Amino acid sequence: MPEQYPSGICTSLDRSIMTIAPLDSLDERIRRAIAEKRLLEIRYKRAVRLAEPHDYGVIEGTERLLIFQLHGPDSGKGAVGWRLLDVVKIETCVVTDQTFAGSRGQSHQQHYQWETLYARVT
């Protein structure tokens, strides 16, 4: 089993070959997906969602991710639409090869007061 070190380096010994690769943190994956306009496959509250990540930052002291959900559970509002996720509750997050066009306009941005905004789709 690979051994993890505080520096973010993962090493594994496969017979006599050692591989060293940086580990992508959740923060790095979210920022990359926003910067490259890539869809995320997120497991949140035990459900898998396919989503466009739009805004990432802090609201009321909690790190949040604003997504436009393309596929996932119906929360009474329908399966498709805007969702504000608590980052700490994201169970898994995969950056997909699929891209999306970008911002869906300004309307969603006016509903939230971001204390700190780390990244936003343009």
PDB file of N, CA and C in Angstrom:
ATOM      1  N   MET A   1       0.849  -1.181   0.000  1.00  0.00           N
ATOM      2  CA  MET A   1       0.000   0.000   0.000  1.00  0.00           C
ATOM      3  C   MET A   1       0.888   1.236   0.000  1.00  0.00           C
ATOM      4  N   PRO A   2       0.542   2.268  -0.824  1.00  0.00           N
ATOM      5  CA  PRO A   2       1.370   3.472  -0.878  1.00  0.00           C
ATOM      6  C   PRO A   2       1.440   4.164   0.469  1.00  0.00           C
ATOM      7  N   GLU A   3       2.576   4.777   0.726  1.00  0.00           N
ATOM      8  CA  GLU A   3       2.761   5.519   1.965  1.00  0.00           C
ATOM      9  C   GLU A   3       2.651   6.999   1.646  1.00  0.00           C
ATOM     10  N   GLN A   4       1.901   7.739   2.454  1.00  0.00           N
ATOM     11  CA  GLN A   4       1.725   9.166   2.218  1.00  0.00           C
ATOM     12  C   GLN A   4       2.600   9.966   3.170  1.00  0.00           C
ATOM     13  N   TYR A   5       3.146  11.039   2.656  1.00  0.00           N
ATOM     14  CA  TYR A   5       3.998  11.914   3.431  1.00  0.00           C
ATOM     15  C   TYR A   5       3.386  13.298   3.482  1.00  0.00           C
ATOM     16  N   PRO A   6       3.692  14.084   4.515  1.00  0.00           N
ATOM     17  CA  PRO A   6       3.111  15.425   4.655  1.00  0.00           C
ATOM     18  C   PRO A   6       3.343  16.327   3.449  1.00  0.00           C
ATOM     19  N   SER A   7       4.377  16.080   2.680  1.00  0.00           N
ATOM     20  CA  SER A   7       4.685  16.941   1.538  1.00  0.00           C
ATOM     21  C   SER A   7       3.714  16.761   0.382  1.00  0.00           C
ATOM     22  N   GLY A   8       2.762  15.828   0.502  1.00  0.00           N
ATOM     23  CA  GLY A   8       1.827  15.597  -0.579  1.00  0.00           C
ATOM     24  C   GLY A   8       2.365  14.637  -1.621  1.00  0.00           C
ATOM     25  N   ILE A   9       3.429  13.934  -1.300  1.00  0.00           N
ATOM     26  CA  ILE A   9       4.032  12.977  -2.214  1.00  0.00           C
ATOM     27  C   ILE A   9       3.597  11.578  -1.804  1.00  0.00           C
ATOM     28  N   CYS A  10       3.243  10.797  -2.795  1.00  0.00           N
ATOM     29  CA  CYS A  10       2.838   9.416  -2.550  1.00  0.00           C
ATOM     30  C   CYS A  10       3.887   8.516  -3.184  1.00  0.00           C
ATOM     31  N   THR A  11       4.389   7.590  -2.427  1.00  0.00           N
ATOM     32  CA  THR A  11       5.362   6.660  -2.985  1.00  0.00           C
ATOM     33  C   THR A  11       4.833   5.255  -2.865  1.00  0.00           C
ATOM     34  N   SER A  12       5.143   4.441  -3.845  1.00  0.00           N
ATOM     35  CA  SER A  12       4.774   3.039  -3.773  1.00  0.00           C
ATOM     36  C   SER A  12       5.929   2.220  -4.324  1.00  0.00           C
ATOM     37  N   LEU A  13       6.110   1.081  -3.766  1.00  0.00           N
ATOM     38  CA  LEU A  13       7.188   0.210  -4.178  1.00  0.00           C
ATOM     39  C   LEU A  13       6.592  -0.950  -4.939  1.00  0.00           C
ATOM     40  N   ASP A  14       6.859  -1.039  -6.216  1.00  0.00           N
ATOM     41  CA  ASP A  14       6.383  -2.129  -7.055  1.00  0.00           C
ATOM     42  C   ASP A  14       7.604  -2.912  -7.487  1.00  0.00           C
ATOM     43  N   ARG A  15       7.845  -3.989  -6.768  1.00  0.00           N
ATOM     44  CA  ARG A  15       9.079  -4.765  -6.912  1.00  0.00           C
ATOM     45  C   ARG A  15      10.254  -3.827  -6.654  1.00  0.00           C
ATOM     46  N   SER A  16      11.030  -3.531  -7.665  1.00  0.00           N
ATOM     47  CA  SER A  16      12.186  -2.666  -7.429  1.00  0.00           C
ATOM     48  C   SER A  16      11.986  -1.264  -8.011  1.00  0.00           C
ATOM     49  N   ILE A  17      10.785  -0.952  -8.476  1.00  0.00           N
ATOM     50  CA  ILE A  17      10.522   0.349  -9.084  1.00  0.00           C
ATOM     51  C   ILE A  17       9.758   1.223  -8.101  1.00  0.00           C
ATOM     52  N   MET A  18      10.248   2.410  -7.868  1.00  0.00           N
ATOM     53  CA  MET A  18       9.562   3.348  -6.980  1.00  0.00           C
ATOM     54  C   MET A  18       8.947   4.454  -7.824  1.00  0.00           C
ATOM     55  N   THR A  19       7.667   4.710  -7.604  1.00  0.00           N
ATOM     56  CA  THR A  19       6.994   5.798  -8.304  1.00  0.00           C
ATOM     57  C   THR A  19       6.689   6.909  -7.324  1.00  0.00           C
ATOM     58  N   ILE A  20       6.910   8.118  -7.754  1.00  0.00           N
ATOM     59  CA  ILE A  20       6.595   9.270  -6.923  1.00  0.00           C
ATOM     60  C   ILE A  20       5.644  10.148  -7.725  1.00  0.00           C
ATOM     61  N   ALA A  21       4.489  10.431  -7.134  1.00  0.00           N
ATOM     62  CA  ALA A  21       3.506  11.264  -7.818  1.00  0.00           C
ATOM     63  C   ALA A  21       2.825  12.175  -6.811  1.00  0.00           C
ATOM     64  N   PRO A  22       2.579  13.440  -7.192  1.00  0.00           N
ATOM     65  CA  PRO A  22       1.878  14.341  -6.278  1.00  0.00           C
ATOM     66  C   PRO A  22       0.421  13.921  -6.142  1.00  0.00           C
ATOM     67  N   LEU A  23      -0.128  14.123  -4.972  1.00  0.00           N
ATOM     68  CA  LEU A  23      -1.534  13.836  -4.732  1.00  0.00           C
ATOM     69  C   LEU A  23      -2.339  15.098  -5.004  1.00  0.00           C
ATOM     70  N   ASP A  24      -3.426  14.967  -5.732  1.00  0.00           N
ATOM     71  CA  ASP A  24      -4.311  16.108  -5.967  1.00  0.00           C
ATOM     72  C   ASP A  24      -5.274  16.220  -4.798  1.00  0.00           C
ATOM     73  N   SER A  25      -5.277  17.365  -4.160  1.00  0.00           N
ATOM     74  CA  SER A  25      -6.222  17.587  -3.075  1.00  0.00           C
ATOM     75  C   SER A  25      -7.585  17.933  -3.673  1.00  0.00           C
ATOM     76  N   LEU A  26      -8.606  17.872  -2.872  1.00  0.00           N
ATOM     77  CA  LEU A  26      -9.948  18.260  -3.315  1.00  0.00           C
ATOM     78  C   LEU A  26      -9.927  19.711  -3.792  1.00  0.00           C
ATOM     79  N   ASP A  27      -9.256  20.570  -3.056  1.00  0.00           N
ATOM     80  CA  ASP A  27      -9.124  21.976  -3.436  1.00  0.00           C
ATOM     81  C   ASP A  27      -8.521  22.100  -4.831  1.00  0.00           C
ATOM     82  N   GLU A  28      -7.447  21.373  -5.109  1.00  0.00           N
ATOM     83  CA  GLU A  28      -6.793  21.445  -6.415  1.00  0.00           C
ATOM     84  C   GLU A  28      -7.706  20.939  -7.530  1.00  0.00           C
ATOM     85  N   ARG A  29      -8.462  19.886  -7.256  1.00  0.00           N
ATOM     86  CA  ARG A  29      -9.370  19.344  -8.266  1.00  0.00           C
ATOM     87  C   ARG A  29     -10.479  20.346  -8.592  1.00  0.00           C
ATOM     88  N   ILE A  30     -11.056  20.963  -7.568  1.00  0.00           N
ATOM     89  CA  ILE A  30     -12.123  21.940  -7.793  1.00  0.00           C
ATOM     90  C   ILE A  30     -11.586  23.135  -8.584  1.00  0.00           C
ATOM     91  N   ARG A  31     -10.439  23.660  -8.164  1.00  0.00           N
ATOM     92  CA  ARG A  31      -9.851  24.816  -8.861  1.00  0.00           C
ATOM     93  C   ARG A  31      -9.521  24.482 -10.315  1.00  0.00           C
ATOM     94  N   ARG A  32      -8.992  23.279 -10.547  1.00  0.00           N
ATOM     95  CA  ARG A  32      -8.656  22.860 -11.915  1.00  0.00           C
ATOM     96  C   ARG A  32      -9.916  22.754 -12.764  1.00  0.00           C
ATOM     97  N   ALA A  33     -10.962  22.143 -12.217  1.00  0.00           N
ATOM     98  CA  ALA A  33     -12.213  21.976 -12.967  1.00  0.00           C
ATOM     99  C   ALA A  33     -12.800  23.333 -13.344  1.00  0.00           C
ATOM    100  N   ILE A  34     -12.759  24.292 -12.429  1.00  0.00           N
ATOM    101  CA  ILE A  34     -13.275  25.630 -12.715  1.00  0.00           C
ATOM    102  C   ILE A  34     -12.404  26.318 -13.767  1.00  0.00           C
ATOM    103  N   ALA A  35     -11.101  26.277 -13.599  1.00  0.00           N
ATOM    104  CA  ALA A  35     -10.189  26.941 -14.533  1.00  0.00           C
ATOM    105  C   ALA A  35     -10.293  26.366 -15.943  1.00  0.00           C
ATOM    106  N   GLU A  36     -10.462  25.043 -16.040  1.00  0.00           N
ATOM    107  CA  GLU A  36     -10.509  24.378 -17.344  1.00  0.00           C
ATOM    108  C   GLU A  36     -11.939  24.125 -17.830  1.00  0.00           C
ATOM    109  N   LYS A  37     -12.943  24.579 -17.046  1.00  0.00           N
ATOM    110  CA  LYS A  37     -14.357  24.389 -17.377  1.00  0.00           C
ATOM    111  C   LYS A  37     -14.655  22.918 -17.667  1.00  0.00           C
ATOM    112  N   ARG A  38     -14.307  22.086 -16.683  1.00  0.00           N
ATOM    113  CA  ARG A  38     -14.533  20.641 -16.804  1.00  0.00           C
ATOM    114  C   ARG A  38     -15.618  20.205 -15.830  1.00  0.00           C
ATOM    115  N   LEU A  39     -16.430  19.255 -16.266  1.00  0.00           N
ATOM    116  CA  LEU A  39     -17.471  18.722 -15.399  1.00  0.00           C
ATOM    117  C   LEU A  39     -16.856  17.922 -14.261  1.00  0.00           C
ATOM    118  N   LEU A  40     -17.531  17.947 -13.124  1.00  0.00           N
ATOM    119  CA  LEU A  40     -17.125  17.150 -11.970  1.00  0.00           C
ATOM    120  C   LEU A  40     -18.137  16.036 -11.749  1.00  0.00           C
ATOM    121  N   GLU A  41     -17.628  14.879 -11.374  1.00  0.00           N
ATOM    122  CA  GLU A  41     -18.478  13.803 -10.895  1.00  0.00           C
ATOM    123  C   GLU A  41     -18.269  13.785  -9.384  1.00  0.00           C
ATOM    124  N   ILE A  42     -19.312  14.147  -8.660  1.00  0.00           N
ATOM    125  CA  ILE A  42     -19.217  14.342  -7.210  1.00  0.00           C
ATOM    126  C   ILE A  42     -20.126  13.362  -6.492  1.00  0.00           C
ATOM    127  N   ARG A  43     -19.595  12.746  -5.448  1.00  0.00           N
ATOM    128  CA  ARG A  43     -20.435  11.948  -4.552  1.00  0.00           C
ATOM    129  C   ARG A  43     -20.672  12.822  -3.322  1.00  0.00           C
ATOM    130  N   TYR A  44     -21.942  13.163  -3.079  1.00  0.00           N
ATOM    131  CA  TYR A  44     -22.331  14.086  -2.016  1.00  0.00           C
ATOM    132  C   TYR A  44     -23.622  13.555  -1.404  1.00  0.00           C
ATOM    133  N   LYS A  45     -23.623  13.387  -0.100  1.00  0.00           N
ATOM    134  CA  LYS A  45     -24.780  12.810   0.592  1.00  0.00           C
ATOM    135  C   LYS A  45     -25.170  11.468  -0.026  1.00  0.00           C
ATOM    136  N   ARG A  46     -24.160  10.662  -0.283  1.00  0.00           N
ATOM    137  CA  ARG A  46     -24.290   9.300  -0.813  1.00  0.00           C
ATOM    138  C   ARG A  46     -24.877   9.209  -2.211  1.00  0.00           C
ATOM    139  N   ALA A  47     -24.991  10.312  -2.918  1.00  0.00           N
ATOM    140  CA  ALA A  47     -25.520  10.297  -4.281  1.00  0.00           C
ATOM    141  C   ALA A  47     -24.474  10.856  -5.244  1.00  0.00           C
ATOM    142  N   VAL A  48     -24.382  10.254  -6.412  1.00  0.00           N
ATOM    143  CA  VAL A  48     -23.441  10.715  -7.428  1.00  0.00           C
ATOM    144  C   VAL A  48     -24.130  11.771  -8.283  1.00  0.00           C
ATOM    145  N   ARG A  49     -23.411  12.860  -8.510  1.00  0.00           N
ATOM    146  CA  ARG A  49     -23.933  13.980  -9.292  1.00  0.00           C
ATOM    147  C   ARG A  49     -22.934  14.326 -10.388  1.00  0.00           C
ATOM    148  N   LEU A  50     -23.425  14.705 -11.536  1.00  0.00           N
ATOM    149  CA  LEU A  50     -22.595  15.241 -12.602  1.00  0.00           C
ATOM    150  C   LEU A  50     -22.896  16.728 -12.649  1.00  0.00           C
ATOM    151  N   ALA A  51     -21.856  17.558 -12.551  1.00  0.00           N
ATOM    152  CA  ALA A  51     -22.114  18.985 -12.369  1.00  0.00           C
ATOM    153  C   ALA A  51     -21.051  19.879 -12.990  1.00  0.00           C
ATOM    154  N   GLU A  52     -21.516  21.079 -13.339  1.00  0.00           N
ATOM    155  CA  GLU A  52     -20.619  22.169 -13.739  1.00  0.00           C
ATOM    156  C   GLU A  52     -20.254  22.928 -12.466  1.00  0.00           C
ATOM    157  N   PRO A  53     -18.972  23.023 -12.117  1.00  0.00           N
ATOM    158  CA  PRO A  53     -18.590  23.839 -10.955  1.00  0.00           C
ATOM    159  C   PRO A  53     -18.510  25.307 -11.381  1.00  0.00           C
ATOM    160  N   HIS A  54     -19.141  26.199 -10.622  1.00  0.00           N
ATOM    161  CA  HIS A  54     -19.173  27.610 -11.017  1.00  0.00           C
ATOM    162  C   HIS A  54     -18.446  28.531 -10.044  1.00  0.00           C
ATOM    163  N   ASP A  55     -18.809  28.507  -8.777  1.00  0.00           N
ATOM    164  CA  ASP A  55     -18.167  29.362  -7.779  1.00  0.00           C
ATOM    165  C   ASP A  55     -17.660  28.493  -6.643  1.00  0.00           C
ATOM    166  N   TYR A  56     -16.502  28.875  -6.101  1.00  0.00           N
ATOM    167  CA  TYR A  56     -15.883  28.128  -5.009  1.00  0.00           C
ATOM    168  C   TYR A  56     -15.304  29.133  -4.040  1.00  0.00           C
ATOM    169  N   GLY A  57     -15.746  29.049  -2.765  1.00  0.00           N
ATOM    170  CA  GLY A  57     -15.253  29.999  -1.786  1.00  0.00           C
ATOM    171  C   GLY A  57     -15.867  29.777  -0.418  1.00  0.00           C
ATOM    172  N   VAL A  58     -15.968  30.851   0.339  1.00  0.00           N
ATOM    173  CA  VAL A  58     -16.450  30.782   1.719  1.00  0.00           C
ATOM    174  C   VAL A  58     -17.707  31.637   1.871  1.00  0.00           C
ATOM    175  N   ILE A  59     -18.750  31.027   2.451  1.00  0.00           N
ATOM    176  CA  ILE A  59     -19.989  31.718   2.814  1.00  0.00           C
ATOM    177  C   ILE A  59     -20.267  31.372   4.268  1.00  0.00           C
ATOM    178  N   GLU A  60     -20.480  32.385   5.097  1.00  0.00           N
ATOM    179  CA  GLU A  60     -20.769  32.199   6.524  1.00  0.00           C
ATOM    180  C   GLU A  60     -19.746  31.273   7.199  1.00  0.00           C
ATOM    181  N   GLY A  61     -18.481  31.460   6.843  1.00  0.00           N
ATOM    182  CA  GLY A  61     -17.399  30.704   7.468  1.00  0.00           C
ATOM    183  C   GLY A  61     -17.229  29.277   6.992  1.00  0.00           C
ATOM    184  N   THR A  62     -18.007  28.861   6.005  1.00  0.00           N
ATOM    185  CA  THR A  62     -17.943  27.488   5.509  1.00  0.00           C
ATOM    186  C   THR A  62     -17.536  27.480   4.043  1.00  0.00           C
ATOM    187  N   GLU A  63     -16.584  26.598   3.690  1.00  0.00           N
ATOM    188  CA  GLU A  63     -16.200  26.462   2.286  1.00  0.00           C
ATOM    189  C   GLU A  63     -17.358  25.836   1.522  1.00  0.00           C
ATOM    190  N   ARG A  64     -17.732  26.477   0.405  1.00  0.00           N
ATOM    191  CA  ARG A  64     -18.869  26.028  -0.392  1.00  0.00           C
ATOM    192  C   ARG A  64     -18.478  25.958  -1.863  1.00  0.00           C
ATOM    193  N   LEU A  65     -19.221  25.128  -2.590  1.00  0.00           N
ATOM    194  CA  LEU A  65     -19.058  25.000  -4.027  1.00  0.00           C
ATOM    195  C   LEU A  65     -20.432  25.143  -4.660  1.00  0.00           C
ATOM    196  N   LEU A  66     -20.576  26.140  -5.537  1.00  0.00           N
ATOM    197  CA  LEU A  66     -21.821  26.330  -6.262  1.00  0.00           C
ATOM    198  C   LEU A  66     -21.709  25.578  -7.584  1.00  0.00           C
ATOM    199  N   ILE A  67     -22.638  24.649  -7.788  1.00  0.00           N
ATOM    200  CA  ILE A  67     -22.627  23.839  -9.006  1.00  0.00           C
ATOM    201  C   ILE A  67     -23.947  24.001  -9.753  1.00  0.00           C
ATOM    202  N   PHE A  68     -23.904  23.706 -11.040  1.00  0.00           N
ATOM    203  CA  PHE A  68     -25.118  23.510 -11.802  1.00  0.00           C
ATOM    204  C   PHE A  68     -25.178  22.015 -12.059  1.00  0.00           C
ATOM    205  N   GLN A  69     -26.105  21.358 -11.380  1.00  0.00           N
ATOM    206  CA  GLN A  69     -26.215  19.903 -11.449  1.00  0.00           C
ATOM    207  C   GLN A  69     -26.917  19.497 -12.738  1.00  0.00           C
ATOM    208  N   LEU A  70     -26.251  18.614 -13.494  1.00  0.00           N
ATOM    209  CA  LEU A  70     -26.800  18.111 -14.745  1.00  0.00           C
ATOM    210  C   LEU A  70     -27.496  16.769 -14.554  1.00  0.00           C
ATOM    211  N   HIS A  71     -27.006  16.012 -13.586  1.00  0.00           N
ATOM    212  CA  HIS A  71     -27.575  14.696 -13.293  1.00  0.00           C
ATOM    213  C   HIS A  71     -27.341  14.408 -11.821  1.00  0.00           C
ATOM    214  N   GLY A  72     -28.366  13.925 -11.162  1.00  0.00           N
ATOM    215  CA  GLY A  72     -28.232  13.601  -9.743  1.00  0.00           C
ATOM    216  C   GLY A  72     -29.591  13.429  -9.112  1.00  0.00           C
ATOM    217  N   PRO A  73     -29.628  13.378  -7.795  1.00  0.00           N
ATOM    218  CA  PRO A  73     -30.894  13.149  -7.100  1.00  0.00           C
ATOM    219  C   PRO A  73     -31.833  14.348  -7.216  1.00  0.00           C
ATOM    220  N   ASP A  74     -33.100  14.062  -7.196  1.00  0.00           N
ATOM    221  CA  ASP A  74     -34.136  15.089  -7.228  1.00  0.00           C
ATOM    222  C   ASP A  74     -34.374  15.544  -5.795  1.00  0.00           C
ATOM    223  N   SER A  75     -34.075  16.789  -5.511  1.00  0.00           N
ATOM    224  CA  SER A  75     -34.224  17.303  -4.147  1.00  0.00           C
ATOM    225  C   SER A  75     -35.538  18.052  -3.960  1.00  0.00           C
ATOM    226  N   GLY A  76     -36.523  17.716  -4.761  1.00  0.00           N
ATOM    227  CA  GLY A  76     -37.787  18.432  -4.690  1.00  0.00           C
ATOM    228  C   GLY A  76     -37.833  19.594  -5.661  1.00  0.00           C
ATOM    229  N   LYS A  77     -36.673  20.006  -6.148  1.00  0.00           N
ATOM    230  CA  LYS A  77     -36.583  21.099  -7.117  1.00  0.00           C
ATOM    231  C   LYS A  77     -36.336  20.546  -8.517  1.00  0.00           C
ATOM    232  N   GLY A  78     -36.241  19.235  -8.630  1.00  0.00           N
ATOM    233  CA  GLY A  78     -35.862  18.610  -9.889  1.00  0.00           C
ATOM    234  C   GLY A  78     -34.411  18.170  -9.818  1.00  0.00           C
ATOM    235  N   ALA A  79     -34.042  17.284 -10.701  1.00  0.00           N
ATOM    236  CA  ALA A  79     -32.681  16.742 -10.685  1.00  0.00           C
ATOM    237  C   ALA A  79     -31.665  17.716 -11.266  1.00  0.00           C
ATOM    238  N   VAL A  80     -32.115  18.608 -12.135  1.00  0.00           N
ATOM    239  CA  VAL A  80     -31.226  19.564 -12.793  1.00  0.00           C
ATOM    240  C   VAL A  80     -31.417  20.934 -12.157  1.00  0.00           C
ATOM    241  N   GLY A  81     -30.286  21.607 -11.900  1.00  0.00           N
ATOM    242  CA  GLY A  81     -30.389  22.968 -11.372  1.00  0.00           C
ATOM    243  C   GLY A  81     -29.241  23.331 -10.451  1.00  0.00           C
ATOM    244  N   TRP A  82     -29.323  24.525  -9.888  1.00  0.00           N
ATOM    245  CA  TRP A  82     -28.278  25.058  -9.010  1.00  0.00           C
ATOM    246  C   TRP A  82     -28.292  24.365  -7.658  1.00  0.00           C
ATOM    247  N   ARG A  83     -27.098  24.057  -7.134  1.00  0.00           N
ATOM    248  CA  ARG A  83     -26.934  23.474  -5.807  1.00  0.00           C
ATOM    249  C   ARG A  83     -25.729  24.143  -5.150  1.00  0.00           C
ATOM    250  N   LEU A  84     -25.841  24.408  -3.862  1.00  0.00           N
ATOM    251  CA  LEU A  84     -24.731  24.938  -3.080  1.00  0.00           C
ATOM    252  C   LEU A  84     -24.293  23.836  -2.129  1.00  0.00           C
ATOM    253  N   LEU A  85     -23.078  23.325  -2.323  1.00  0.00           N
ATOM    254  CA  LEU A  85     -22.580  22.193  -1.548  1.00  0.00           C
ATOM    255  C   LEU A  85     -21.592  22.648  -0.488  1.00  0.00           C
ATOM    256  N   ASP A  86     -21.620  21.995   0.666  1.00  0.00           N
ATOM    257  CA  ASP A  86     -20.575  22.176   1.677  1.00  0.00           C
ATOM    258  C   ASP A  86     -19.400  21.313   1.254  1.00  0.00           C
ATOM    259  N   VAL A  87     -18.262  21.917   1.015  1.00  0.00           N
ATOM    260  CA  VAL A  87     -17.098  21.192   0.507  1.00  0.00           C
ATOM    261  C   VAL A  87     -16.699  20.049   1.438  1.00  0.00           C
ATOM    262  N   VAL A  88     -16.779  20.258   2.739  1.00  0.00           N
ATOM    263  CA  VAL A  88     -16.368  19.234   3.695  1.00  0.00           C
ATOM    264  C   VAL A  88     -17.235  17.972   3.579  1.00  0.00           C
ATOM    265  N   LYS A  89     -18.430  18.084   3.008  1.00  0.00           N
ATOM    266  CA  LYS A  89     -19.332  16.946   2.873  1.00  0.00           C
ATOM    267  C   LYS A  89     -19.181  16.208   1.538  1.00  0.00           C
ATOM    268  N   ILE A  90     -18.292  16.697   0.675  1.00  0.00           N
ATOM    269  CA  ILE A  90     -18.046  16.016  -0.597  1.00  0.00           C
ATOM    270  C   ILE A  90     -17.259  14.743  -0.295  1.00  0.00           C
ATOM    271  N   GLU A  91     -17.831  13.603  -0.661  1.00  0.00           N
ATOM    272  CA  GLU A  91     -17.220  12.307  -0.357  1.00  0.00           C
ATOM    273  C   GLU A  91     -16.158  11.928  -1.391  1.00  0.00           C
ATOM    274  N   THR A  92     -16.460  12.127  -2.675  1.00  0.00           N
ATOM    275  CA  THR A  92     -15.493  11.909  -3.748  1.00  0.00           C
ATOM    276  C   THR A  92     -15.702  12.979  -4.806  1.00  0.00           C
ATOM    277  N   CYS A  93     -14.652  13.250  -5.552  1.00  0.00           N
ATOM    278  CA  CYS A  93     -14.716  14.279  -6.589  1.00  0.00           C
ATOM    279  C   CYS A  93     -13.732  13.912  -7.696  1.00  0.00           C
ATOM    280  N   VAL A  94     -14.271  13.744  -8.907  1.00  0.00           N
ATOM    281  CA  VAL A  94     -13.447  13.392 -10.062  1.00  0.00           C
ATOM    282  C   VAL A  94     -13.617  14.472 -11.125  1.00  0.00           C
ATOM    283  N   VAL A  95     -12.504  14.976 -11.623  1.00  0.00           N
ATOM    284  CA  VAL A  95     -12.529  15.921 -12.735  1.00  0.00           C
ATOM    285  C   VAL A  95     -12.643  15.087 -14.009  1.00  0.00           C
ATOM    286  N   THR A  96     -13.701  15.317 -14.783  1.00  0.00           N
ATOM    287  CA  THR A  96     -13.908  14.530 -16.001  1.00  0.00           C
ATOM    288  C   THR A  96     -13.224  15.190 -17.196  1.00  0.00           C
ATOM    289  N   ASP A  97     -13.219  14.495 -18.320  1.00  0.00           N
ATOM    290  CA  ASP A  97     -12.676  15.043 -19.567  1.00  0.00           C
ATOM    291  C   ASP A  97     -13.689  15.929 -20.279  1.00  0.00           C
ATOM    292  N   GLN A  98     -14.955  15.872 -19.835  1.00  0.00           N
ATOM    293  CA  GLN A  98     -16.009  16.658 -20.471  1.00  0.00           C
ATOM    294  C   GLN A  98     -15.915  18.120 -20.052  1.00  0.00           C
ATOM    295  N   THR A  99     -16.062  19.008 -21.026  1.00  0.00           N
ATOM    296  CA  THR A  99     -16.022  20.443 -20.732  1.00  0.00           C
ATOM    297  C   THR A  99     -17.427  21.037 -20.868  1.00  0.00           C
ATOM    298  N   PHE A 100     -17.580  22.255 -20.367  1.00  0.00           N
ATOM    299  CA  PHE A 100     -18.835  22.988 -20.515  1.00  0.00           C
ATOM    300  C   PHE A 100     -18.512  24.406 -20.956  1.00  0.00           C
ATOM    301  N   ALA A 101     -19.516  25.116 -21.456  1.00  0.00           N
ATOM    302  CA  ALA A 101     -19.310  26.414 -22.105  1.00  0.00           C
ATOM    303  C   ALA A 101     -18.786  27.505 -21.177  1.00  0.00           C
ATOM    304  N   GLY A 102     -19.187  27.476 -19.912  1.00  0.00           N
ATOM    305  CA  GLY A 102     -18.755  28.520 -18.994  1.00  0.00           C
ATOM    306  C   GLY A 102     -19.910  29.047 -18.177  1.00  0.00           C
ATOM    307  N   SER A 103     -19.842  30.310 -17.836  1.00  0.00           N
ATOM    308  CA  SER A 103     -20.831  30.944 -16.968  1.00  0.00           C
ATOM    309  C   SER A 103     -22.236  30.834 -17.545  1.00  0.00           C
ATOM    310  N   ARG A 104     -23.190  30.667 -16.659  1.00  0.00           N
ATOM    311  CA  ARG A 104     -24.605  30.632 -17.048  1.00  0.00           C
ATOM    312  C   ARG A 104     -25.244  31.989 -16.772  1.00  0.00           C
ATOM    313  N   GLY A 105     -24.431  33.031 -16.678  1.00  0.00           N
ATOM    314  CA  GLY A 105     -24.964  34.382 -16.466  1.00  0.00           C
ATOM    315  C   GLY A 105     -24.752  34.848 -15.041  1.00  0.00           C
ATOM    316  N   GLN A 106     -25.204  36.039 -14.765  1.00  0.00           N
ATOM    317  CA  GLN A 106     -24.972  36.683 -13.482  1.00  0.00           C
ATOM    318  C   GLN A 106     -26.039  36.374 -12.433  1.00  0.00           C
ATOM    319  N   SER A 107     -27.189  35.836 -12.831  1.00  0.00           N
ATOM    320  CA  SER A 107     -28.317  35.705 -11.893  1.00  0.00           C
ATOM    321  C   SER A 107     -27.975  34.899 -10.649  1.00  0.00           C
ATOM    322  N   HIS A 108     -27.246  33.796 -10.760  1.00  0.00           N
ATOM    323  CA  HIS A 108     -26.934  32.975  -9.586  1.00  0.00           C
ATOM    324  C   HIS A 108     -25.928  33.651  -8.660  1.00  0.00           C
ATOM    325  N   GLN A 109     -25.087  34.496  -9.197  1.00  0.00           N
ATOM    326  CA  GLN A 109     -24.041  35.117  -8.398  1.00  0.00           C
ATOM    327  C   GLN A 109     -24.600  36.170  -7.441  1.00  0.00           C
ATOM    328  N   GLN A 110     -25.742  36.728  -7.750  1.00  0.00           N
ATOM    329  CA  GLN A 110     -26.324  37.764  -6.911  1.00  0.00           C
ATOM    330  C   GLN A 110     -27.026  37.202  -5.682  1.00  0.00           C
ATOM    331  N   HIS A 111     -27.259  35.906  -5.644  1.00  0.00           N
ATOM    332  CA  HIS A 111     -27.977  35.299  -4.528  1.00  0.00           C
ATOM    333  C   HIS A 111     -27.077  34.974  -3.338  1.00  0.00           C
ATOM    334  N   TYR A 112     -25.783  34.960  -3.532  1.00  0.00           N
ATOM    335  CA  TYR A 112     -24.866  34.555  -2.470  1.00  0.00           C
ATOM    336  C   TYR A 112     -23.874  35.659  -2.160  1.00  0.00           C
ATOM    337  N   GLN A 113     -23.629  35.865  -0.868  1.00  0.00           N
ATOM    338  CA  GLN A 113     -22.620  36.814  -0.417  1.00  0.00           C
ATOM    339  C   GLN A 113     -21.375  36.024  -0.051  1.00  0.00           C
ATOM    340  N   TRP A 114     -20.408  35.994  -0.937  1.00  0.00           N
ATOM    341  CA  TRP A 114     -19.171  35.251  -0.713  1.00  0.00           C
ATOM    342  C   TRP A 114     -18.251  36.091   0.161  1.00  0.00           C
ATOM    343  N   GLU A 115     -17.819  35.531   1.293  1.00  0.00           N
ATOM    344  CA  GLU A 115     -16.826  36.210   2.135  1.00  0.00           C
ATOM    345  C   GLU A 115     -15.484  36.183   1.438  1.00  0.00           C
ATOM    346  N   THR A 116     -15.156  35.023   0.887  1.00  0.00           N
ATOM    347  CA  THR A 116     -13.932  34.834   0.117  1.00  0.00           C
ATOM    348  C   THR A 116     -14.295  34.012  -1.096  1.00  0.00           C
ATOM    349  N   LEU A 117     -13.871  34.448  -2.263  1.00  0.00           N
ATOM    350  CA  LEU A 117     -14.127  33.692  -3.479  1.00  0.00           C
ATOM    351  C   LEU A 117     -12.784  33.193  -4.018  1.00  0.00           C
ATOM    352  N   TYR A 118     -12.597  31.871  -4.020  1.00  0.00           N
ATOM    353  CA  TYR A 118     -11.340  31.272  -4.473  1.00  0.00           C
ATOM    354  C   TYR A 118     -11.285  31.205  -5.996  1.00  0.00           C
ATOM    355  N   ALA A 119     -12.413  30.813  -6.605  1.00  0.00           N
ATOM    356  CA  ALA A 119     -12.433  30.621  -8.059  1.00  0.00           C
ATOM    357  C   ALA A 119     -13.846  30.810  -8.577  1.00  0.00           C
ATOM    358  N   ARG A 120     -13.945  31.335  -9.799  1.00  0.00           N
ATOM    359  CA  ARG A 120     -15.248  31.520 -10.445  1.00  0.00           C
ATOM    360  C   ARG A 120     -15.089  31.267 -11.947  1.00  0.00           C
ATOM    361  N   VAL A 121     -16.066  30.571 -12.524  1.00  0.00           N
ATOM    362  CA  VAL A 121     -16.079  30.354 -13.968  1.00  0.00           C
ATOM    363  C   VAL A 121     -16.384  31.675 -14.649  1.00  0.00           C
ATOM    364  N   THR A 122     -15.687  31.915 -15.735  1.00  0.00           N
ATOM    365  CA  THR A 122     -15.933  33.135 -16.512  1.00  0.00           C
ATOM    366  C   THR A 122     -16.467  32.783 -17.875  1.00  0.00           C
TER     367      THR A 122
END
